[in-house]
Amino acid sequence: YDYYVRGLQSLYENSEDHVDQGLAYFTQALSIDPRFTEAATGEAMARLFVCDNGWKVHHDACEAAHQAVESALRLAPHSPDAFAIRAELRTVYDWDWAGAAADVRQAEALGGSEDTHFAAARVAYAIGQMSVARQHLDAILSRSPFDPSAIMDRGFFVEYKAGDYPQAEAWIKRGLQIAPGYGSGHYMLGLILLQEGRAQDARSEERRVGKECRSR
C-alpha cells in the first residue's frame, strides 16, 4: 500500500520522470501482491500518461497501456477507474468515440469517479462538445481545485479550442505553477501565446520544451 500511495503522488506531477517513478512504485506493489487491484489500475494510468504525452515510442507505449488496463479489468471487472482509463485510451489513441462513450457509461453505472469525469470530458471535446467537457472538468475542480490535469485540460482542450486565448493562457500558467514539469504544458502555452500574436514569448516556451527533451 505504501508503494501504491507513493505511485499516486508521483502521477500527480505528470512529468516524465515522475510518471516513470510512479510506474516503478506500482510495479513494486504488484510484485508483493499481484492481485492488488488499485496498483494494477495505477499502472494502467501511468502507462496512459506515457502514451498520451508521447514520452516513448507512441505505438509501443499505447499498446502497453492497453495491456495494462485489460489486466486491471481482469482483476477488477467492476472498477469504474479501469473503465475510465480504457475510455481515455480509446479516445486519445484508437479514436474510437463510440467505444470510449460506452466505457464512460459503464464507469458511471459502477459509481463513477474523478477519472470518469476526465474520460467523459475527453470524449466530449474529441467530438466538439465543449460545454459538456467544461462541466465535467469543473466537477473535478470543485472537489480538487489544485488538480493540474483538470486545470491543463480546462485551459487547452476547452478554452484554447474554443478560441478564448487569454483564458487558456491563464489556466495553463496556473497549472504550471502547481506542476512546473507537467507533460506538454510549456508546449501548450507556446501554442496559445502564438495565437495571441506573441511570437517571441511563444518561441521562449518552445525552447524550454526542446531543452527538456534534450536533457532526457
C-alpha atoms as a PDB file:
ATOM      1  CA  TYR A   1       0.000   0.000   0.000  1.00  0.00           C
ATOM      2  CA  ASP A   2       2.908   2.355   0.738  1.00  0.00           C
ATOM      3  CA  TYR A   3       4.276   1.805  -2.773  1.00  0.00           C
ATOM      4  CA  TYR A   4       0.793   2.402  -4.201  1.00  0.00           C
ATOM      5  CA  VAL A   5       0.376   5.757  -2.401  1.00  0.00           C
ATOM      6  CA  ARG A   6       3.871   6.839  -3.479  1.00  0.00           C
ATOM      7  CA  GLY A   7       2.882   5.949  -7.043  1.00  0.00           C
ATOM      8  CA  LEU A   8      -0.233   8.111  -6.873  1.00  0.00           C
ATOM      9  CA  GLN A   9       1.773  11.061  -5.595  1.00  0.00           C
ATOM     10  CA  SER A  10       4.243  10.661  -8.448  1.00  0.00           C
ATOM     11  CA  LEU A  11       1.461  10.600 -11.044  1.00  0.00           C
ATOM     12  CA  TYR A  12       0.049  13.852  -9.679  1.00  0.00           C
ATOM     13  CA  GLU A  13       3.022  15.772 -11.110  1.00  0.00           C
ATOM     14  CA  ASN A  14       2.503  14.294 -14.616  1.00  0.00           C
ATOM     15  CA  SER A  15       6.104  14.825 -15.699  1.00  0.00           C
ATOM     16  CA  GLU A  16       8.088  12.122 -17.472  1.00  0.00           C
ATOM     17  CA  ASP A  17      10.439  11.465 -14.564  1.00  0.00           C
ATOM     18  CA  HIS A  18       7.624  11.428 -12.003  1.00  0.00           C
ATOM     19  CA  VAL A  19       5.464   9.094 -14.092  1.00  0.00           C
ATOM     20  CA  ASP A  20       8.404   6.712 -14.575  1.00  0.00           C
ATOM     21  CA  GLN A  21       8.899   6.739 -10.806  1.00  0.00           C
ATOM     22  CA  GLY A  22       5.185   6.141 -10.265  1.00  0.00           C
ATOM     23  CA  LEU A  23       5.253   3.201 -12.641  1.00  0.00           C
ATOM     24  CA  ALA A  24       8.172   1.743 -10.676  1.00  0.00           C
ATOM     25  CA  TYR A  25       6.222   2.094  -7.416  1.00  0.00           C
ATOM     26  CA  PHE A  26       3.144   0.364  -8.852  1.00  0.00           C
ATOM     27  CA  THR A  27       5.360  -2.434 -10.197  1.00  0.00           C
ATOM     28  CA  GLN A  28       6.886  -2.878  -6.746  1.00  0.00           C
ATOM     29  CA  ALA A  29       3.420  -3.028  -5.165  1.00  0.00           C
ATOM     30  CA  LEU A  30       2.294  -5.661  -7.675  1.00  0.00           C
ATOM     31  CA  SER A  31       5.457  -7.722  -7.118  1.00  0.00           C
ATOM     32  CA  ILE A  32       4.385  -8.039  -3.466  1.00  0.00           C
ATOM     33  CA  ASP A  33       0.692  -8.635  -4.225  1.00  0.00           C
ATOM     34  CA  PRO A  34      -0.097  -9.441  -7.883  1.00  0.00           C
ATOM     35  CA  ARG A  35      -3.829  -9.132  -7.117  1.00  0.00           C
ATOM     36  CA  PHE A  36      -3.617  -5.609  -5.682  1.00  0.00           C
ATOM     37  CA  THR A  37      -6.257  -4.139  -7.963  1.00  0.00           C
ATOM     38  CA  GLU A  38      -5.630  -0.462  -7.155  1.00  0.00           C
ATOM     39  CA  ALA A  39      -1.947  -0.829  -8.031  1.00  0.00           C
ATOM     40  CA  ALA A  40      -2.882  -2.532 -11.317  1.00  0.00           C
ATOM     41  CA  THR A  41      -5.178   0.385 -12.120  1.00  0.00           C
ATOM     42  CA  GLY A  42      -2.403   2.802 -11.140  1.00  0.00           C
ATOM     43  CA  GLU A  43      -0.029   1.071 -13.544  1.00  0.00           C
ATOM     44  CA  ALA A  44      -2.607   1.417 -16.324  1.00  0.00           C
ATOM     45  CA  MET A  45      -2.978   5.128 -15.563  1.00  0.00           C
ATOM     46  CA  ALA A  46       0.799   5.639 -15.585  1.00  0.00           C
ATOM     47  CA  ARG A  47       1.068   3.923 -18.958  1.00  0.00           C
ATOM     48  CA  LEU A  48      -1.830   6.040 -20.256  1.00  0.00           C
ATOM     49  CA  PHE A  49       0.141   9.165 -19.297  1.00  0.00           C
ATOM     50  CA  VAL A  50       3.197   7.857 -21.197  1.00  0.00           C
ATOM     51  CA  CYS A  51       1.030   7.135 -24.247  1.00  0.00           C
ATOM     52  CA  ASP A  52      -0.824  10.444 -24.061  1.00  0.00           C
ATOM     53  CA  ASN A  53       2.312  12.593 -23.719  1.00  0.00           C
ATOM     54  CA  GLY A  54       4.361  10.746 -26.331  1.00  0.00           C
ATOM     55  CA  TRP A  55       7.311  10.164 -23.996  1.00  0.00           C
ATOM     56  CA  LYS A  56       8.141   6.770 -25.518  1.00  0.00           C
ATOM     57  CA  VAL A  57       7.639   5.206 -28.964  1.00  0.00           C
ATOM     58  CA  HIS A  58       3.961   6.045 -29.370  1.00  0.00           C
ATOM     59  CA  HIS A  59       2.608   2.728 -30.684  1.00  0.00           C
ATOM     60  CA  ASP A  60       4.544   0.636 -28.157  1.00  0.00           C
ATOM     61  CA  ALA A  61       3.607   2.884 -25.226  1.00  0.00           C
ATOM     62  CA  CYS A  62      -0.089   2.911 -26.104  1.00  0.00           C
ATOM     63  CA  GLU A  63      -0.219  -0.838 -26.670  1.00  0.00           C
ATOM     64  CA  ALA A  64       1.443  -1.320 -23.269  1.00  0.00           C
ATOM     65  CA  ALA A  65      -1.266   0.912 -21.780  1.00  0.00           C
ATOM     66  CA  HIS A  66      -3.956  -1.206 -23.423  1.00  0.00           C
ATOM     67  CA  GLN A  67      -2.420  -4.384 -21.990  1.00  0.00           C
ATOM     68  CA  ALA A  68      -2.186  -2.824 -18.530  1.00  0.00           C
ATOM     69  CA  VAL A  69      -5.799  -1.660 -18.467  1.00  0.00           C
ATOM     70  CA  GLU A  70      -7.068  -5.044 -19.682  1.00  0.00           C
ATOM     71  CA  SER A  71      -5.076  -6.682 -16.878  1.00  0.00           C
ATOM     72  CA  ALA A  72      -6.653  -4.268 -14.414  1.00  0.00           C
ATOM     73  CA  LEU A  73     -10.130  -5.077 -15.727  1.00  0.00           C
ATOM     74  CA  ARG A  74      -9.491  -8.798 -15.339  1.00  0.00           C
ATOM     75  CA  LEU A  75      -8.556  -8.212 -11.699  1.00  0.00           C
ATOM     76  CA  ALA A  76     -11.315  -5.678 -11.064  1.00  0.00           C
ATOM     77  CA  PRO A  77     -14.148  -6.059 -13.589  1.00  0.00           C
ATOM     78  CA  HIS A  78     -16.298  -3.659 -11.548  1.00  0.00           C
ATOM     79  CA  SER A  79     -13.745  -0.844 -11.295  1.00  0.00           C
ATOM     80  CA  PRO A  80     -15.051   2.482 -12.656  1.00  0.00           C
ATOM     81  CA  ASP A  81     -11.463   3.775 -12.812  1.00  0.00           C
ATOM     82  CA  ALA A  82     -10.330   0.939 -15.087  1.00  0.00           C
ATOM     83  CA  PHE A  83     -13.218   1.562 -17.485  1.00  0.00           C
ATOM     84  CA  ALA A  84     -12.455   5.289 -17.414  1.00  0.00           C
ATOM     85  CA  ILE A  85      -8.795   4.674 -18.284  1.00  0.00           C
ATOM     86  CA  ARG A  86      -9.814   2.449 -21.182  1.00  0.00           C
ATOM     87  CA  ALA A  87     -12.204   5.164 -22.345  1.00  0.00           C
ATOM     88  CA  GLU A  88      -9.346   7.678 -22.397  1.00  0.00           C
ATOM     89  CA  LEU A  89      -7.143   5.278 -24.353  1.00  0.00           C
ATOM     90  CA  ARG A  90      -9.898   4.685 -26.864  1.00  0.00           C
ATOM     91  CA  THR A  91     -10.241   8.451 -27.233  1.00  0.00           C
ATOM     92  CA  VAL A  92      -6.612   9.582 -27.494  1.00  0.00           C
ATOM     93  CA  TYR A  93      -5.126   6.553 -29.269  1.00  0.00           C
ATOM     94  CA  ASP A  94      -7.811   4.489 -31.007  1.00  0.00           C
ATOM     95  CA  TRP A  95     -10.108   7.406 -31.948  1.00  0.00           C
ATOM     96  CA  ASP A  96     -12.955   5.063 -31.041  1.00  0.00           C
ATOM     97  CA  TRP A  97     -15.516   7.586 -29.813  1.00  0.00           C
ATOM     98  CA  ALA A  98     -18.374   5.071 -29.560  1.00  0.00           C
ATOM     99  CA  GLY A  99     -16.265   2.568 -27.610  1.00  0.00           C
ATOM    100  CA  ALA A 100     -14.978   5.316 -25.322  1.00  0.00           C
ATOM    101  CA  ALA A 101     -18.504   6.590 -24.665  1.00  0.00           C
ATOM    102  CA  ALA A 102     -19.638   3.042 -23.830  1.00  0.00           C
ATOM    103  CA  ASP A 103     -16.797   2.709 -21.315  1.00  0.00           C
ATOM    104  CA  VAL A 104     -17.743   6.048 -19.736  1.00  0.00           C
ATOM    105  CA  ARG A 105     -21.346   4.872 -19.356  1.00  0.00           C
ATOM    106  CA  GLN A 106     -20.108   1.646 -17.748  1.00  0.00           C
ATOM    107  CA  ALA A 107     -17.876   3.622 -15.349  1.00  0.00           C
ATOM    108  CA  GLU A 108     -20.825   5.856 -14.432  1.00  0.00           C
ATOM    109  CA  ALA A 109     -23.037   2.807 -13.848  1.00  0.00           C
ATOM    110  CA  LEU A 110     -20.401   1.473 -11.443  1.00  0.00           C
ATOM    111  CA  GLY A 111     -20.464   4.638  -9.366  1.00  0.00           C
ATOM    112  CA  GLY A 112     -18.075   6.860 -11.300  1.00  0.00           C
ATOM    113  CA  SER A 113     -15.034   8.753 -10.028  1.00  0.00           C
ATOM    114  CA  GLU A 114     -12.862  11.725 -10.929  1.00  0.00           C
ATOM    115  CA  ASP A 115     -11.278   9.537 -13.608  1.00  0.00           C
ATOM    116  CA  THR A 116     -14.760   9.038 -15.040  1.00  0.00           C
ATOM    117  CA  HIS A 117     -15.167  12.817 -15.340  1.00  0.00           C
ATOM    118  CA  PHE A 118     -11.784  13.041 -17.088  1.00  0.00           C
ATOM    119  CA  ALA A 119     -12.744  10.323 -19.547  1.00  0.00           C
ATOM    120  CA  ALA A 120     -16.143  11.900 -20.212  1.00  0.00           C
ATOM    121  CA  ALA A 121     -14.516  15.301 -20.768  1.00  0.00           C
ATOM    122  CA  ARG A 122     -12.063  13.855 -23.266  1.00  0.00           C
ATOM    123  CA  VAL A 123     -14.779  12.133 -25.240  1.00  0.00           C
ATOM    124  CA  ALA A 124     -16.772  15.391 -25.215  1.00  0.00           C
ATOM    125  CA  TYR A 125     -14.056  17.636 -26.585  1.00  0.00           C
ATOM    126  CA  ALA A 126     -12.971  14.989 -29.075  1.00  0.00           C
ATOM    127  CA  ILE A 127     -16.388  15.300 -30.692  1.00  0.00           C
ATOM    128  CA  GLY A 128     -16.677  19.073 -30.197  1.00  0.00           C
ATOM    129  CA  GLN A 129     -18.999  19.196 -27.168  1.00  0.00           C
ATOM    130  CA  MET A 130     -17.006  21.859 -25.300  1.00  0.00           C
ATOM    131  CA  SER A 131     -19.766  22.838 -22.872  1.00  0.00           C
ATOM    132  CA  VAL A 132     -20.099  19.210 -21.752  1.00  0.00           C
ATOM    133  CA  ALA A 133     -16.319  18.921 -21.361  1.00  0.00           C
ATOM    134  CA  ARG A 134     -16.276  22.113 -19.291  1.00  0.00           C
ATOM    135  CA  GLN A 135     -18.974  20.724 -16.975  1.00  0.00           C
ATOM    136  CA  HIS A 136     -17.007  17.534 -16.305  1.00  0.00           C
ATOM    137  CA  LEU A 137     -13.731  19.370 -15.665  1.00  0.00           C
ATOM    138  CA  ASP A 138     -15.469  21.862 -13.386  1.00  0.00           C
ATOM    139  CA  ALA A 139     -16.932  18.933 -11.439  1.00  0.00           C
ATOM    140  CA  ILE A 140     -13.382  17.704 -10.791  1.00  0.00           C
ATOM    141  CA  LEU A 141     -12.105  21.164  -9.880  1.00  0.00           C
ATOM    142  CA  SER A 142     -14.972  21.762  -7.466  1.00  0.00           C
ATOM    143  CA  ARG A 143     -13.570  18.892  -5.368  1.00  0.00           C
ATOM    144  CA  SER A 144      -9.877  19.108  -6.280  1.00  0.00           C
ATOM    145  CA  PRO A 145      -9.142  22.752  -7.171  1.00  0.00           C
ATOM    146  CA  PHE A 146      -5.393  22.140  -7.496  1.00  0.00           C
ATOM    147  CA  ASP A 147      -5.590  19.122  -9.790  1.00  0.00           C
ATOM    148  CA  PRO A 148      -3.066  20.018 -12.522  1.00  0.00           C
ATOM    149  CA  SER A 149      -4.519  17.630 -15.106  1.00  0.00           C
ATOM    150  CA  ALA A 150      -8.001  19.138 -14.842  1.00  0.00           C
ATOM    151  CA  ILE A 151      -6.536  22.645 -14.948  1.00  0.00           C
ATOM    152  CA  MET A 152      -4.432  21.917 -18.030  1.00  0.00           C
ATOM    153  CA  ASP A 153      -7.307  20.214 -19.838  1.00  0.00           C
ATOM    154  CA  ARG A 154      -9.591  23.127 -18.969  1.00  0.00           C
ATOM    155  CA  GLY A 155      -7.085  25.573 -20.437  1.00  0.00           C
ATOM    156  CA  PHE A 156      -6.012  23.772 -23.577  1.00  0.00           C
ATOM    157  CA  PHE A 157      -8.759  21.417 -24.661  1.00  0.00           C
ATOM    158  CA  VAL A 158     -11.639  23.717 -23.727  1.00  0.00           C
ATOM    159  CA  GLU A 159     -10.615  27.395 -23.702  1.00  0.00           C
ATOM    160  CA  TYR A 160      -7.885  27.174 -26.350  1.00  0.00           C
ATOM    161  CA  LYS A 161     -10.031  25.066 -28.680  1.00  0.00           C
ATOM    162  CA  ALA A 162     -12.911  27.490 -28.120  1.00  0.00           C
ATOM    163  CA  GLY A 163     -10.656  30.401 -29.143  1.00  0.00           C
ATOM    164  CA  ASP A 164     -10.547  32.133 -25.741  1.00  0.00           C
ATOM    165  CA  TYR A 165      -6.763  32.540 -25.678  1.00  0.00           C
ATOM    166  CA  PRO A 166      -6.422  34.833 -22.619  1.00  0.00           C
ATOM    167  CA  GLN A 167      -8.430  32.380 -20.515  1.00  0.00           C
ATOM    168  CA  ALA A 168      -6.456  29.469 -21.952  1.00  0.00           C
ATOM    169  CA  GLU A 169      -3.181  31.192 -21.057  1.00  0.00           C
ATOM    170  CA  ALA A 170      -4.354  31.874 -17.503  1.00  0.00           C
ATOM    171  CA  TRP A 171      -5.365  28.247 -16.944  1.00  0.00           C
ATOM    172  CA  ILE A 172      -2.127  26.796 -18.336  1.00  0.00           C
ATOM    173  CA  LYS A 173       0.025  29.178 -16.294  1.00  0.00           C
ATOM    174  CA  ARG A 174      -1.926  28.216 -13.187  1.00  0.00           C
ATOM    175  CA  GLY A 175      -1.300  24.536 -13.933  1.00  0.00           C
ATOM    176  CA  LEU A 176       2.418  25.131 -14.429  1.00  0.00           C
ATOM    177  CA  GLN A 177       2.610  26.929 -11.085  1.00  0.00           C
ATOM    178  CA  ILE A 178       1.244  23.787  -9.422  1.00  0.00           C
ATOM    179  CA  ALA A 179       3.202  21.247 -11.507  1.00  0.00           C
ATOM    180  CA  PRO A 180       6.133  23.001 -13.258  1.00  0.00           C
ATOM    181  CA  GLY A 181       7.239  19.858 -15.097  1.00  0.00           C
ATOM    182  CA  TYR A 182       3.757  18.953 -16.313  1.00  0.00           C
ATOM    183  CA  GLY A 183       3.778  16.909 -19.517  1.00  0.00           C
ATOM    184  CA  SER A 184       3.376  19.140 -22.540  1.00  0.00           C
ATOM    185  CA  GLY A 185       2.444  22.224 -20.500  1.00  0.00           C
ATOM    186  CA  HIS A 186       5.090  24.535 -21.982  1.00  0.00           C
ATOM    187  CA  TYR A 187       4.275  23.303 -25.487  1.00  0.00           C
ATOM    188  CA  MET A 188       0.593  24.102 -24.947  1.00  0.00           C
ATOM    189  CA  LEU A 189       1.449  27.533 -23.535  1.00  0.00           C
ATOM    190  CA  GLY A 190       3.643  28.216 -26.557  1.00  0.00           C
ATOM    191  CA  LEU A 191       0.786  27.471 -28.951  1.00  0.00           C
ATOM    192  CA  ILE A 192      -1.545  29.750 -27.018  1.00  0.00           C
ATOM    193  CA  LEU A 193       0.950  32.604 -26.976  1.00  0.00           C
ATOM    194  CA  LEU A 194       1.484  32.196 -30.714  1.00  0.00           C
ATOM    195  CA  GLN A 195      -2.254  32.526 -31.309  1.00  0.00           C
ATOM    196  CA  GLU A 196      -2.199  35.717 -29.235  1.00  0.00           C
ATOM    197  CA  GLY A 197       0.442  37.137 -31.590  1.00  0.00           C
ATOM    198  CA  ARG A 198       3.243  36.936 -29.011  1.00  0.00           C
ATOM    199  CA  ALA A 199       5.755  35.112 -31.187  1.00  0.00           C
ATOM    200  CA  GLN A 200       8.824  35.881 -29.061  1.00  0.00           C
ATOM    201  CA  ASP A 201       7.178  34.613 -25.864  1.00  0.00           C
ATOM    202  CA  ALA A 202       5.930  31.555 -27.727  1.00  0.00           C
ATOM    203  CA  ARG A 203       9.442  30.877 -29.027  1.00  0.00           C
ATOM    204  CA  SER A 204      10.782  31.029 -25.462  1.00  0.00           C
ATOM    205  CA  GLU A 205       8.262  28.414 -24.306  1.00  0.00           C
ATOM    206  CA  GLU A 206       9.057  26.115 -27.226  1.00  0.00           C
ATOM    207  CA  ARG A 207      12.785  26.450 -26.470  1.00  0.00           C
ATOM    208  CA  ARG A 208      12.031  25.232 -22.955  1.00  0.00           C
ATOM    209  CA  VAL A 209      10.320  22.189 -24.449  1.00  0.00           C
ATOM    210  CA  GLY A 210      13.345  21.489 -26.662  1.00  0.00           C
ATOM    211  CA  LYS A 211      15.759  21.894 -23.755  1.00  0.00           C
ATOM    212  CA  GLU A 212      13.726  19.493 -21.596  1.00  0.00           C
ATOM    213  CA  CYS A 213      13.637  16.914 -24.417  1.00  0.00           C
ATOM    214  CA  ARG A 214      17.408  17.127 -24.954  1.00  0.00           C
ATOM    215  CA  SER A 215      18.034  16.757 -21.217  1.00  0.00           C
ATOM    216  CA  ARG A 216      16.298  13.378 -21.343  1.00  0.00           C
END
